[in-house]
């Protein structure tokens, strides 16, 4: 598998994302939206940063189960119920990303939404990854 991150000098410097990602590989992993649900299906965390940590961990758990690693992520979309709050905590959220997923940033977008499926959820992440090895049985 090969991911190449493109960040042209004639675009604003990316902070916590890549402008474009090209991917070659043999298997795509499409990751469903993950919120801050615990294993019992209860939203945990009162703040955006707490919920972001759990949602990202859930996304990465699904990815690992499919045979991937954070470096395999080609695209992640973040849905936030309060984009202003997301921007205010961007530095802290970036630290959480680096701690859990490393510094290989996928192409990303943050989209403001009125609400998510679970009313208490403040943030949801989905994405896709590209892997080279065959699927495990």
C-alpha atoms as a PDB file:
ATOM      1  CA  UNK A   1       0.000   0.000   0.000  1.00  0.00           C
ATOM      2  CA  UNK A   2       1.198   3.450  -0.755  1.00  0.00           C
ATOM      3  CA  UNK A   3      -0.254   6.763   0.373  1.00  0.00           C
ATOM      4  CA  UNK A   4       1.263   9.991  -0.827  1.00  0.00           C
ATOM      5  CA  UNK A   5       0.239  13.228   0.844  1.00  0.00           C
ATOM      6  CA  UNK A   6       0.127  16.312  -1.387  1.00  0.00           C
ATOM      7  CA  UNK A   7       0.469  19.750   0.195  1.00  0.00           C
ATOM      8  CA  UNK A   8       1.241  22.228  -2.603  1.00  0.00           C
ATOM      9  CA  UNK A   9       3.225  25.325  -1.674  1.00  0.00           C
ATOM     10  CA  UNK A  10       0.667  27.518  -3.452  1.00  0.00           C
ATOM     11  CA  UNK A  11      -2.061  26.501  -0.953  1.00  0.00           C
ATOM     12  CA  UNK A  12      -2.245  27.602   2.675  1.00  0.00           C
ATOM     13  CA  UNK A  13      -0.087  25.368   4.893  1.00  0.00           C
ATOM     14  CA  UNK A  14      -2.217  22.519   6.238  1.00  0.00           C
ATOM     15  CA  UNK A  15      -2.602  22.195   9.985  1.00  0.00           C
ATOM     16  CA  UNK A  16      -3.633  18.718  11.079  1.00  0.00           C
ATOM     17  CA  UNK A  17      -4.669  17.497   7.606  1.00  0.00           C
ATOM     18  CA  UNK A  18      -3.323  16.963   4.101  1.00  0.00           C
ATOM     19  CA  UNK A  19      -4.742  18.837   1.105  1.00  0.00           C
ATOM     20  CA  UNK A  20      -4.851  15.674  -1.019  1.00  0.00           C
ATOM     21  CA  UNK A  21      -3.897  12.030  -0.675  1.00  0.00           C
ATOM     22  CA  UNK A  22      -3.257   9.590  -3.500  1.00  0.00           C
ATOM     23  CA  UNK A  23      -3.537   5.924  -2.622  1.00  0.00           C
ATOM     24  CA  UNK A  24      -2.584   2.678  -4.275  1.00  0.00           C
ATOM     25  CA  UNK A  25      -3.475  -0.626  -2.734  1.00  0.00           C
ATOM     26  CA  UNK A  26      -5.679  -3.630  -3.118  1.00  0.00           C
ATOM     27  CA  UNK A  27      -8.241  -3.227  -0.348  1.00  0.00           C
ATOM     28  CA  UNK A  28     -10.383  -0.312   0.756  1.00  0.00           C
ATOM     29  CA  UNK A  29     -11.758  -0.058   4.291  1.00  0.00           C
ATOM     30  CA  UNK A  30     -14.807   2.177   4.608  1.00  0.00           C
ATOM     31  CA  UNK A  31     -15.228   3.222   8.228  1.00  0.00           C
ATOM     32  CA  UNK A  32     -18.689   3.978   9.558  1.00  0.00           C
ATOM     33  CA  UNK A  33     -19.270   7.114  11.586  1.00  0.00           C
ATOM     34  CA  UNK A  34     -18.053   6.703  15.153  1.00  0.00           C
ATOM     35  CA  UNK A  35     -19.168   8.797  18.087  1.00  0.00           C
ATOM     36  CA  UNK A  36     -18.203   8.611  21.762  1.00  0.00           C
ATOM     37  CA  UNK A  37     -20.157   5.421  22.412  1.00  0.00           C
ATOM     38  CA  UNK A  38     -18.767   3.006  24.972  1.00  0.00           C
ATOM     39  CA  UNK A  39     -19.137  -0.766  24.555  1.00  0.00           C
ATOM     40  CA  UNK A  40     -22.630  -0.576  26.120  1.00  0.00           C
ATOM     41  CA  UNK A  41     -23.805   1.969  23.518  1.00  0.00           C
ATOM     42  CA  UNK A  42     -23.787   4.944  25.898  1.00  0.00           C
ATOM     43  CA  UNK A  43     -22.310   8.307  24.899  1.00  0.00           C
ATOM     44  CA  UNK A  44     -19.438   9.072  27.275  1.00  0.00           C
ATOM     45  CA  UNK A  45     -17.791  12.418  27.914  1.00  0.00           C
ATOM     46  CA  UNK A  46     -19.286  15.814  28.596  1.00  0.00           C
ATOM     47  CA  UNK A  47     -16.926  17.928  26.494  1.00  0.00           C
ATOM     48  CA  UNK A  48     -15.966  17.964  22.832  1.00  0.00           C
ATOM     49  CA  UNK A  49     -12.388  16.929  23.614  1.00  0.00           C
ATOM     50  CA  UNK A  50     -13.515  13.986  25.754  1.00  0.00           C
ATOM     51  CA  UNK A  51     -15.931  12.830  23.076  1.00  0.00           C
ATOM     52  CA  UNK A  52     -13.404  13.384  20.263  1.00  0.00           C
ATOM     53  CA  UNK A  53     -10.907  11.151  22.088  1.00  0.00           C
ATOM     54  CA  UNK A  54     -13.416   8.308  22.363  1.00  0.00           C
ATOM     55  CA  UNK A  55     -14.789   8.747  18.830  1.00  0.00           C
ATOM     56  CA  UNK A  56     -11.280   8.676  17.330  1.00  0.00           C
ATOM     57  CA  UNK A  57     -10.341   5.667  19.440  1.00  0.00           C
ATOM     58  CA  UNK A  58     -13.501   3.905  18.210  1.00  0.00           C
ATOM     59  CA  UNK A  59     -12.652   4.722  14.577  1.00  0.00           C
ATOM     60  CA  UNK A  60      -9.123   3.387  15.033  1.00  0.00           C
ATOM     61  CA  UNK A  61     -10.422   0.238  16.748  1.00  0.00           C
ATOM     62  CA  UNK A  62     -12.640  -0.501  13.744  1.00  0.00           C
ATOM     63  CA  UNK A  63      -9.694   0.171  11.419  1.00  0.00           C
ATOM     64  CA  UNK A  64      -7.353  -2.122  13.383  1.00  0.00           C
ATOM     65  CA  UNK A  65      -9.982  -4.872  13.356  1.00  0.00           C
ATOM     66  CA  UNK A  66     -10.075  -4.592   9.555  1.00  0.00           C
ATOM     67  CA  UNK A  67      -6.281  -5.000   9.468  1.00  0.00           C
ATOM     68  CA  UNK A  68      -5.268  -1.352   9.115  1.00  0.00           C
ATOM     69  CA  UNK A  69      -3.285   1.219  11.036  1.00  0.00           C
ATOM     70  CA  UNK A  70      -3.739   4.986  11.394  1.00  0.00           C
ATOM     71  CA  UNK A  71      -1.103   5.491   8.672  1.00  0.00           C
ATOM     72  CA  UNK A  72      -3.484   3.742   6.227  1.00  0.00           C
ATOM     73  CA  UNK A  73      -6.169   6.420   6.604  1.00  0.00           C
ATOM     74  CA  UNK A  74      -6.688   8.253   3.314  1.00  0.00           C
ATOM     75  CA  UNK A  75      -9.726  10.346   4.323  1.00  0.00           C
ATOM     76  CA  UNK A  76     -11.506  11.316   7.553  1.00  0.00           C
ATOM     77  CA  UNK A  77     -14.562  13.516   7.902  1.00  0.00           C
ATOM     78  CA  UNK A  78     -15.381  15.119  11.248  1.00  0.00           C
ATOM     79  CA  UNK A  79     -18.986  16.115  11.938  1.00  0.00           C
ATOM     80  CA  UNK A  80     -19.274  18.609  14.793  1.00  0.00           C
ATOM     81  CA  UNK A  81     -22.409  20.044  16.388  1.00  0.00           C
ATOM     82  CA  UNK A  82     -20.476  23.208  17.307  1.00  0.00           C
ATOM     83  CA  UNK A  83     -17.775  24.183  14.815  1.00  0.00           C
ATOM     84  CA  UNK A  84     -16.862  27.251  16.881  1.00  0.00           C
ATOM     85  CA  UNK A  85     -16.121  24.977  19.867  1.00  0.00           C
ATOM     86  CA  UNK A  86     -14.143  22.669  17.556  1.00  0.00           C
ATOM     87  CA  UNK A  87     -12.033  25.600  16.322  1.00  0.00           C
ATOM     88  CA  UNK A  88     -11.503  26.837  19.884  1.00  0.00           C
ATOM     89  CA  UNK A  89     -10.112  23.421  20.864  1.00  0.00           C
ATOM     90  CA  UNK A  90      -8.281  22.682  17.594  1.00  0.00           C
ATOM     91  CA  UNK A  91      -4.839  22.668  19.215  1.00  0.00           C
ATOM     92  CA  UNK A  92      -5.940  20.227  21.908  1.00  0.00           C
ATOM     93  CA  UNK A  93      -7.769  18.047  19.353  1.00  0.00           C
ATOM     94  CA  UNK A  94      -4.599  17.989  17.252  1.00  0.00           C
ATOM     95  CA  UNK A  95      -2.682  16.702  20.262  1.00  0.00           C
ATOM     96  CA  UNK A  96      -5.247  13.959  20.763  1.00  0.00           C
ATOM     97  CA  UNK A  97      -4.953  13.020  17.074  1.00  0.00           C
ATOM     98  CA  UNK A  98      -1.143  12.858  17.264  1.00  0.00           C
ATOM     99  CA  UNK A  99      -1.249  10.762  20.465  1.00  0.00           C
ATOM    100  CA  UNK A 100      -3.724   8.225  19.044  1.00  0.00           C
ATOM    101  CA  UNK A 101      -3.084   8.307  15.288  1.00  0.00           C
ATOM    102  CA  UNK A 102       0.380   9.793  14.786  1.00  0.00           C
ATOM    103  CA  UNK A 103       1.495  12.479  12.355  1.00  0.00           C
ATOM    104  CA  UNK A 104       0.390  10.886   9.067  1.00  0.00           C
ATOM    105  CA  UNK A 105      -2.592  13.117   8.375  1.00  0.00           C
ATOM    106  CA  UNK A 106      -5.280  12.037   5.930  1.00  0.00           C
ATOM    107  CA  UNK A 107      -7.290  14.376   3.760  1.00  0.00           C
ATOM    108  CA  UNK A 108      -9.841  15.800   6.209  1.00  0.00           C
ATOM    109  CA  UNK A 109     -12.885  18.011   6.484  1.00  0.00           C
ATOM    110  CA  UNK A 110     -14.845  19.351   9.449  1.00  0.00           C
ATOM    111  CA  UNK A 111     -18.555  19.763   8.786  1.00  0.00           C
ATOM    112  CA  UNK A 112     -20.995  21.521  11.104  1.00  0.00           C
ATOM    113  CA  UNK A 113     -24.219  19.633  11.746  1.00  0.00           C
ATOM    114  CA  UNK A 114     -27.357  20.475  13.709  1.00  0.00           C
ATOM    115  CA  UNK A 115     -27.227  17.210  15.641  1.00  0.00           C
ATOM    116  CA  UNK A 116     -26.019  13.631  15.437  1.00  0.00           C
ATOM    117  CA  UNK A 117     -27.894  10.337  15.769  1.00  0.00           C
ATOM    118  CA  UNK A 118     -27.414  10.236  19.546  1.00  0.00           C
ATOM    119  CA  UNK A 119     -28.636  13.541  20.929  1.00  0.00           C
ATOM    120  CA  UNK A 120     -25.778  13.743  23.473  1.00  0.00           C
ATOM    121  CA  UNK A 121     -23.091  13.241  20.797  1.00  0.00           C
ATOM    122  CA  UNK A 122     -21.030  16.335  19.985  1.00  0.00           C
ATOM    123  CA  UNK A 123     -18.733  14.859  17.326  1.00  0.00           C
ATOM    124  CA  UNK A 124     -18.620  11.968  14.849  1.00  0.00           C
ATOM    125  CA  UNK A 125     -15.768  10.730  12.648  1.00  0.00           C
ATOM    126  CA  UNK A 126     -15.915   8.537   9.566  1.00  0.00           C
ATOM    127  CA  UNK A 127     -13.375   7.754   6.898  1.00  0.00           C
ATOM    128  CA  UNK A 128     -11.700   5.286   4.622  1.00  0.00           C
ATOM    129  CA  UNK A 129      -8.329   3.615   4.458  1.00  0.00           C
ATOM    130  CA  UNK A 130      -6.360   1.793   1.767  1.00  0.00           C
ATOM    131  CA  UNK A 131      -4.547  -1.462   2.610  1.00  0.00           C
ATOM    132  CA  UNK A 132      -2.334  -3.687   0.519  1.00  0.00           C
ATOM    133  CA  UNK A 133      -2.541  -7.051   2.220  1.00  0.00           C
ATOM    134  CA  UNK A 134      -5.407  -9.470   1.624  1.00  0.00           C
ATOM    135  CA  UNK A 135      -8.366  -9.605   4.001  1.00  0.00           C
ATOM    136  CA  UNK A 136      -7.947 -11.813   7.056  1.00  0.00           C
ATOM    137  CA  UNK A 137     -10.445 -14.604   7.640  1.00  0.00           C
END
